[in-house]
C-alpha atoms as a PDB file:
ATOM      1  CA  MET A   1     146.299 157.262 161.709  1.00  0.00           C
ATOM      2  CA  LEU A   2     149.018 159.153 164.219  1.00  0.00           C
ATOM      3  CA  LYS A   3     147.584 160.677 167.500  1.00  0.00           C
ATOM      4  CA  GLN A   4     149.104 164.823 167.047  1.00  0.00           C
ATOM      5  CA  LEU A   5     151.696 165.285 169.425  1.00  0.00           C
ATOM      6  CA  LEU A   6     152.095 169.149 171.439  1.00  0.00           C
ATOM      7  CA  PRO A   7     155.426 169.995 171.392  1.00  0.00           C
ATOM      8  CA  ASN A   8     156.685 168.334 175.198  1.00  0.00           C
ATOM      9  CA  GLY A   9     156.292 165.086 172.732  1.00  0.00           C
ATOM     10  CA  LEU A  10     152.896 163.822 174.542  1.00  0.00           C
ATOM     11  CA  PRO A  11     149.646 163.201 172.410  1.00  0.00           C
ATOM     12  CA  VAL A  12     147.273 165.954 172.332  1.00  0.00           C
ATOM     13  CA  ILE A  13     143.993 164.903 174.608  1.00  0.00           C
ATOM     14  CA  SER A  14     140.581 165.027 172.515  1.00  0.00           C
ATOM     15  CA  ARG A  15     137.197 165.488 174.456  1.00  0.00           C
ATOM     16  CA  PHE A  16     134.240 163.872 173.219  1.00  0.00           C
ATOM     17  CA  ILE A  17     130.642 165.224 175.556  1.00  0.00           C
ATOM     18  CA  THR A  18     127.706 162.647 175.379  1.00  0.00           C
ATOM     19  CA  ASP A  19     124.042 164.029 174.988  1.00  0.00           C
ATOM     20  CA  HIS A  20     120.284 163.139 173.529  1.00  0.00           C
ATOM     21  CA  ASN A  21     119.223 163.317 170.278  1.00  0.00           C
ATOM     22  CA  ALA A  22     115.141 164.316 169.840  1.00  0.00           C
ATOM     23  CA  GLU A  23     114.207 160.695 169.824  1.00  0.00           C
ATOM     24  CA  GLY A  24     116.110 160.288 173.118  1.00  0.00           C
ATOM     25  CA  GLN A  25     118.688 158.269 171.826  1.00  0.00           C
ATOM     26  CA  ALA A  26     122.740 159.193 172.813  1.00  0.00           C
ATOM     27  CA  CYS A  27     124.630 161.122 170.772  1.00  0.00           C
ATOM     28  CA  PHE A  28     127.621 163.489 170.590  1.00  0.00           C
ATOM     29  CA  SER A  29     127.242 166.790 171.773  1.00  0.00           C
ATOM     30  CA  ASN A  30     129.054 169.271 169.316  1.00  0.00           C
ATOM     31  CA  ARG A  31     129.958 171.773 171.995  1.00  0.00           C
ATOM     32  CA  ASN A  32     133.661 171.458 172.772  1.00  0.00           C
ATOM     33  CA  ALA A  33     133.992 168.638 171.042  1.00  0.00           C
ATOM     34  CA  GLU A  34     137.621 169.386 170.384  1.00  0.00           C
ATOM     35  CA  ILE A  35     140.860 169.141 171.363  1.00  0.00           C
ATOM     36  CA  MET A  36     142.050 170.043 174.586  1.00  0.00           C
ATOM     37  CA  SER A  37     143.841 173.495 175.089  1.00  0.00           C
ATOM     38  CA  TRP A  38     146.953 173.370 177.640  1.00  0.00           C
ATOM     39  CA  VAL A  39     147.570 176.653 179.968  1.00  0.00           C
ATOM     40  CA  ALA A  40     151.418 176.992 181.110  1.00  0.00           C
ATOM     41  CA  ILE A  41     151.428 177.339 184.901  1.00  0.00           C
ATOM     42  CA  ASN A  42     154.865 177.875 185.117  1.00  0.00           C
ATOM     43  CA  PRO A  43     157.700 176.758 182.626  1.00  0.00           C
ATOM     44  CA  VAL A  44     157.897 173.315 183.553  1.00  0.00           C
ATOM     45  CA  ALA A  45     153.946 172.148 184.031  1.00  0.00           C
ATOM     46  CA  ASN A  46     150.777 172.733 181.756  1.00  0.00           C
ATOM     47  CA  PHE A  47     147.245 172.304 182.720  1.00  0.00           C
ATOM     48  CA  ALA A  48     144.435 171.633 180.479  1.00  0.00           C
ATOM     49  CA  LEU A  49     140.711 171.585 181.910  1.00  0.00           C
ATOM     50  CA  GLY A  50     138.667 168.441 180.757  1.00  0.00           C
ATOM     51  CA  TYR A  51     135.558 168.976 182.461  1.00  0.00           C
ATOM     52  CA  THR A  52     133.581 170.741 185.661  1.00  0.00           C
ATOM     53  CA  THR A  53     130.980 170.781 187.882  1.00  0.00           C
ATOM     54  CA  SER A  54     129.356 173.243 189.480  1.00  0.00           C
ATOM     55  CA  ARG A  55     126.493 171.430 191.977  1.00  0.00           C
ATOM     56  CA  PHE A  56     125.715 167.647 193.032  1.00  0.00           C
ATOM     57  CA  PRO A  57     123.806 166.549 191.841  1.00  0.00           C
ATOM     58  CA  VAL A  58     124.667 167.183 188.399  1.00  0.00           C
ATOM     59  CA  LYS A  59     121.885 169.402 186.176  1.00  0.00           C
ATOM     60  CA  PHE A  60     121.678 168.173 182.453  1.00  0.00           C
ATOM     61  CA  ALA A  61     118.616 169.991 181.537  1.00  0.00           C
ATOM     62  CA  ASP A  62     118.797 171.942 178.729  1.00  0.00           C
ATOM     63  CA  GLU A  63     122.950 171.306 179.166  1.00  0.00           C
ATOM     64  CA  GLU A  64     123.104 173.238 181.677  1.00  0.00           C
ATOM     65  CA  ASP A  65     126.605 171.515 182.420  1.00  0.00           C
ATOM     66  CA  ILE A  66     128.224 172.088 179.383  1.00  0.00           C
ATOM     67  CA  THR A  67     127.356 176.078 180.048  1.00  0.00           C
ATOM     68  CA  GLU A  68     128.654 176.298 183.003  1.00  0.00           C
ATOM     69  CA  TYR A  69     131.346 174.086 181.986  1.00  0.00           C
ATOM     70  CA  GLU A  70     132.163 176.684 179.219  1.00  0.00           C
ATOM     71  CA  ALA A  71     132.236 179.701 181.617  1.00  0.00           C
ATOM     72  CA  TYR A  72     134.782 177.987 183.341  1.00  0.00           C
ATOM     73  CA  LEU A  73     137.152 177.483 180.178  1.00  0.00           C
ATOM     74  CA  LYS A  74     137.029 181.648 179.335  1.00  0.00           C
ATOM     75  CA  ASP A  75     138.012 182.362 182.758  1.00  0.00           C
ATOM     76  CA  ARG A  76     139.128 178.752 184.576  1.00  0.00           C
ATOM     77  CA  PRO A  77     138.511 177.690 187.992  1.00  0.00           C
ATOM     78  CA  GLY A  78     140.807 177.633 191.063  1.00  0.00           C
ATOM     79  CA  ILE A  79     141.853 174.488 192.225  1.00  0.00           C
ATOM     80  CA  THR A  80     138.306 172.985 193.384  1.00  0.00           C
ATOM     81  CA  ILE A  81     134.978 174.528 192.733  1.00  0.00           C
ATOM     82  CA  PRO A  82     132.755 174.336 196.040  1.00  0.00           C
ATOM     83  CA  GLY A  83     129.730 172.129 194.999  1.00  0.00           C
ATOM     84  CA  GLY A  84     131.077 170.327 192.070  1.00  0.00           C
ATOM     85  CA  THR A  85     133.937 168.730 190.049  1.00  0.00           C
ATOM     86  CA  VAL A  86     137.394 169.700 188.519  1.00  0.00           C
ATOM     87  CA  LEU A  87     138.456 167.417 186.038  1.00  0.00           C
ATOM     88  CA  ARG A  88     142.012 168.298 185.015  1.00  0.00           C
ATOM     89  CA  PHE A  89     144.860 167.118 183.127  1.00  0.00           C
ATOM     90  CA  VAL A  90     148.806 168.339 183.855  1.00  0.00           C
ATOM     91  CA  ASP A  91     151.704 167.986 182.433  1.00  0.00           C
ATOM     92  CA  MET A  92     155.478 168.142 183.916  1.00  0.00           C
ATOM     93  CA  ALA A  93     158.688 167.710 182.550  1.00  0.00           C
ATOM     94  CA  PRO A  94     161.405 165.482 183.036  1.00  0.00           C
ATOM     95  CA  GLY A  95     163.087 165.613 186.732  1.00  0.00           C
ATOM     96  CA  GLU A  96     161.025 168.250 188.050  1.00  0.00           C
ATOM     97  CA  THR A  97     158.937 168.491 191.524  1.00  0.00           C
ATOM     98  CA  SER A  98     156.439 170.883 192.169  1.00  0.00           C
ATOM     99  CA  PRO A  99     156.096 172.617 195.453  1.00  0.00           C
ATOM    100  CA  MET A 100     154.742 171.115 198.638  1.00  0.00           C
ATOM    101  CA  HIS A 101     151.149 172.110 198.909  1.00  0.00           C
ATOM    102  CA  ARG A 102     147.700 170.904 200.371  1.00  0.00           C
ATOM    103  CA  THR A 103     144.107 171.790 198.547  1.00  0.00           C
ATOM    104  CA  VAL A 104     140.985 171.193 200.816  1.00  0.00           C
ATOM    105  CA  SER A 105     139.778 168.586 198.655  1.00  0.00           C
ATOM    106  CA  LEU A 106     139.412 165.390 197.765  1.00  0.00           C
ATOM    107  CA  ASP A 107     141.474 164.256 194.775  1.00  0.00           C
ATOM    108  CA  TYR A 108     142.003 160.998 192.338  1.00  0.00           C
ATOM    109  CA  GLY A 109     145.612 161.460 190.371  1.00  0.00           C
ATOM    110  CA  VAL A 110     146.181 158.777 187.755  1.00  0.00           C
ATOM    111  CA  VAL A 111     148.876 158.225 186.071  1.00  0.00           C
ATOM    112  CA  LEU A 112     148.555 158.616 182.477  1.00  0.00           C
ATOM    113  CA  GLU A 113     151.800 159.214 180.965  1.00  0.00           C
ATOM    114  CA  GLY A 114     155.614 158.619 182.617  1.00  0.00           C
ATOM    115  CA  GLU A 115     156.565 157.511 186.528  1.00  0.00           C
ATOM    116  CA  VAL A 116     155.744 159.937 189.095  1.00  0.00           C
ATOM    117  CA  GLU A 117     156.955 159.938 192.622  1.00  0.00           C
ATOM    118  CA  LEU A 118     154.446 161.308 195.315  1.00  0.00           C
ATOM    119  CA  VAL A 119     155.938 163.054 198.250  1.00  0.00           C
ATOM    120  CA  LEU A 120     154.498 163.669 201.365  1.00  0.00           C
ATOM    121  CA  ASP A 121     155.694 166.540 203.749  1.00  0.00           C
ATOM    122  CA  SER A 122     156.578 163.848 206.173  1.00  0.00           C
ATOM    123  CA  GLY A 123     159.018 162.459 203.822  1.00  0.00           C
ATOM    124  CA  GLU A 124     157.566 159.274 203.163  1.00  0.00           C
ATOM    125  CA  THR A 125     157.174 158.662 199.049  1.00  0.00           C
ATOM    126  CA  ARG A 126     155.451 156.398 196.110  1.00  0.00           C
ATOM    127  CA  THR A 127     156.413 155.826 192.973  1.00  0.00           C
ATOM    128  CA  LEU A 128     153.350 156.002 190.821  1.00  0.00           C
ATOM    129  CA  ARG A 129     153.494 153.787 187.441  1.00  0.00           C
ATOM    130  CA  ARG A 130     151.172 154.342 184.115  1.00  0.00           C
ATOM    131  CA  GLY A 131     148.088 153.163 185.501  1.00  0.00           C
ATOM    132  CA  ASP A 132     148.589 153.928 188.798  1.00  0.00           C
ATOM    133  CA  VAL A 133     146.031 155.882 191.157  1.00  0.00           C
ATOM    134  CA  ALA A 134     146.694 158.129 194.973  1.00  0.00           C
ATOM    135  CA  ILE A 135     144.112 159.440 196.670  1.00  0.00           C
ATOM    136  CA  GLN A 136     144.716 162.645 197.771  1.00  0.00           C
ATOM    137  CA  ARG A 137     142.762 163.637 200.942  1.00  0.00           C
ATOM    138  CA  GLY A 138     143.807 166.643 201.996  1.00  0.00           C
ATOM    139  CA  THR A 139     147.706 166.340 202.896  1.00  0.00           C
ATOM    140  CA  LYS A 140     150.765 168.341 202.297  1.00  0.00           C
ATOM    141  CA  HIS A 141     152.412 166.528 199.157  1.00  0.00           C
ATOM    142  CA  ALA A 142     154.568 166.994 195.920  1.00  0.00           C
ATOM    143  CA  TRP A 143     154.593 165.525 193.090  1.00  0.00           C
ATOM    144  CA  LYS A 144     158.034 164.577 190.797  1.00  0.00           C
ATOM    145  CA  ASN A 145     158.857 163.571 187.818  1.00  0.00           C
ATOM    146  CA  ALA A 146     160.999 160.420 188.267  1.00  0.00           C
ATOM    147  CA  GLY A 147     161.023 159.242 185.029  1.00  0.00           C
ATOM    148  CA  ALA A 148     163.073 160.194 181.989  1.00  0.00           C
ATOM    149  CA  GLY A 149     160.850 162.281 179.737  1.00  0.00           C
ATOM    150  CA  TRP A 150     157.780 164.333 180.238  1.00  0.00           C
ATOM    151  CA  CYS A 151     154.923 162.750 182.446  1.00  0.00           C
ATOM    152  CA  ARG A 152     151.553 163.250 182.568  1.00  0.00           C
ATOM    153  CA  MET A 153     148.770 163.271 185.025  1.00  0.00           C
ATOM    154  CA  MET A 154     145.219 163.156 185.317  1.00  0.00           C
ATOM    155  CA  TYR A 155     143.158 164.875 188.254  1.00  0.00           C
ATOM    156  CA  VAL A 156     139.547 164.485 189.650  1.00  0.00           C
ATOM    157  CA  LEU A 157     138.680 167.064 192.147  1.00  0.00           C
ATOM    158  CA  GLN A 158     136.371 167.656 194.774  1.00  0.00           C
ATOM    159  CA  GLU A 159     135.893 170.284 197.431  1.00  0.00           C
ATOM    160  CA  SER A 160     136.286 168.878 201.121  1.00  0.00           C
ATOM    161  CA  LYS A 161     134.710 170.269 204.394  1.00  0.00           C
ATOM    162  CA  PRO A 162     137.871 172.082 206.385  1.00  0.00           C
ATOM    163  CA  PHE A 163     139.189 169.901 208.905  1.00  0.00           C
ATOM    164  CA  LYS A 164     141.017 170.148 211.747  1.00  0.00           C
ATOM    165  CA  VAL A 165     144.213 167.436 212.384  1.00  0.00           C
ATOM    166  CA  ALA A 166     146.556 168.275 216.185  1.00  0.00           C
ATOM    167  CA  GLY A 167     144.269 170.737 216.801  1.00  0.00           C
ATOM    168  CA  LYS A 168     144.806 172.764 213.671  1.00  0.00           C
ATOM    169  CA  THR A 169     142.200 173.120 211.327  1.00  0.00           C
ATOM    170  CA  LEU A 170     144.441 172.756 207.906  1.00  0.00           C
ATOM    171  CA  GLY A 171     143.443 175.104 204.681  1.00  0.00           C
ATOM    172  CA  GLU A 172     144.846 175.199 200.954  1.00  0.00           C
ATOM    173  CA  ASP A 173     148.974 176.132 200.975  1.00  0.00           C
ATOM    174  CA  TYR A 174     150.222 176.077 197.296  1.00  0.00           C
ATOM    175  CA  GLY A 175     153.621 176.786 198.805  1.00  0.00           C
ATOM    176  CA  GLU A 176     156.331 178.870 196.812  1.00  0.00           C
ATOM    177  CA  GLY A 177     156.542 178.484 192.476  1.00  0.00           C
ATOM    178  CA  MET A 178     152.593 177.846 191.979  1.00  0.00           C
ATOM    179  CA  GLY A 179     153.040 179.987 188.916  1.00  0.00           C
ATOM    180  CA  ASP A 180     149.284 181.645 188.370  1.00  0.00           C
ATOM    181  CA  VAL A 181     147.583 178.585 189.891  1.00  0.00           C
ATOM    182  CA  ARG A 182     144.142 179.974 191.631  1.00  0.00           C
ATOM    183  CA  ALA A 183     143.007 179.078 194.666  1.00  0.00           C
ATOM    184  CA  SER A 184     139.525 177.143 194.834  1.00  0.00           C
ATOM    185  CA  GLY A 185     137.019 180.033 193.706  1.00  0.00           C
ATOM    186  CA  PRO A 186     132.896 180.848 194.235  1.00  0.00           C
ATOM    187  CA  LYS A 187     131.014 178.904 192.602  1.00  0.00           C
ATOM    188  CA  ALA A 188     129.402 179.354 189.162  1.00  0.00           C
ATOM    189  CA  ALA A 189     126.471 181.401 187.977  1.00  0.00           C
ATOM    190  CA  SER A 190     123.881 179.184 187.412  1.00  0.00           C
END
C-alpha cells in the first residue's frame, strides 16, 4: 500500500499510542491514533506535534498523559513544556534557513528526510543526513535545508535550567522571522 503524501511531497506521519486492556495486556489506544496534522509557522516551514508530557515522571494512570497531550493539540505548547517533553516534527522547504535562535532546552534533532546543515552562531557548521542526530544544549543555531527537496526533522525537547556563559545568563531568543512560534509556556493543568 502506498503511503499518503502531504502537498510538499513528504509522507504523512501516523501516530500510534499504546495502552493496556482490562486483562493487563498491551493494546493500541483509540485516542489520537490518527494521521498528525500540520501547522504552517511561516510559508516555508510546517510543524506537527507528535506528543507531549507535562511532568516527570509521566503519569499513565487513567490515561492522564494522553488527556494532557490532547489539551496541547487544541492549544499547542511553546517550544518546551516546563517539567515535560515535546515531540515535534518540522518540514522545511528547499534552500530555506531558519532564523538564528536559542531555546533554553536540551534538544535531540534527528534528520528523517533530506540533508540539513546545522549552523552555529560561531560560524561552525555540520551537515546532517538521514539518521544523523544533533544534540542541542541551549546553543544559538540555525537550520538550513541543504538538499534539493523538502527536509523533515524530528525533535525531542526538554527544558533546561537557565545557565550562564561568559558571565551572562542566556535566555530564549527566536530571532526574526520565526512566524507563529510560541515561547516556552506554563505547565498544563493537571
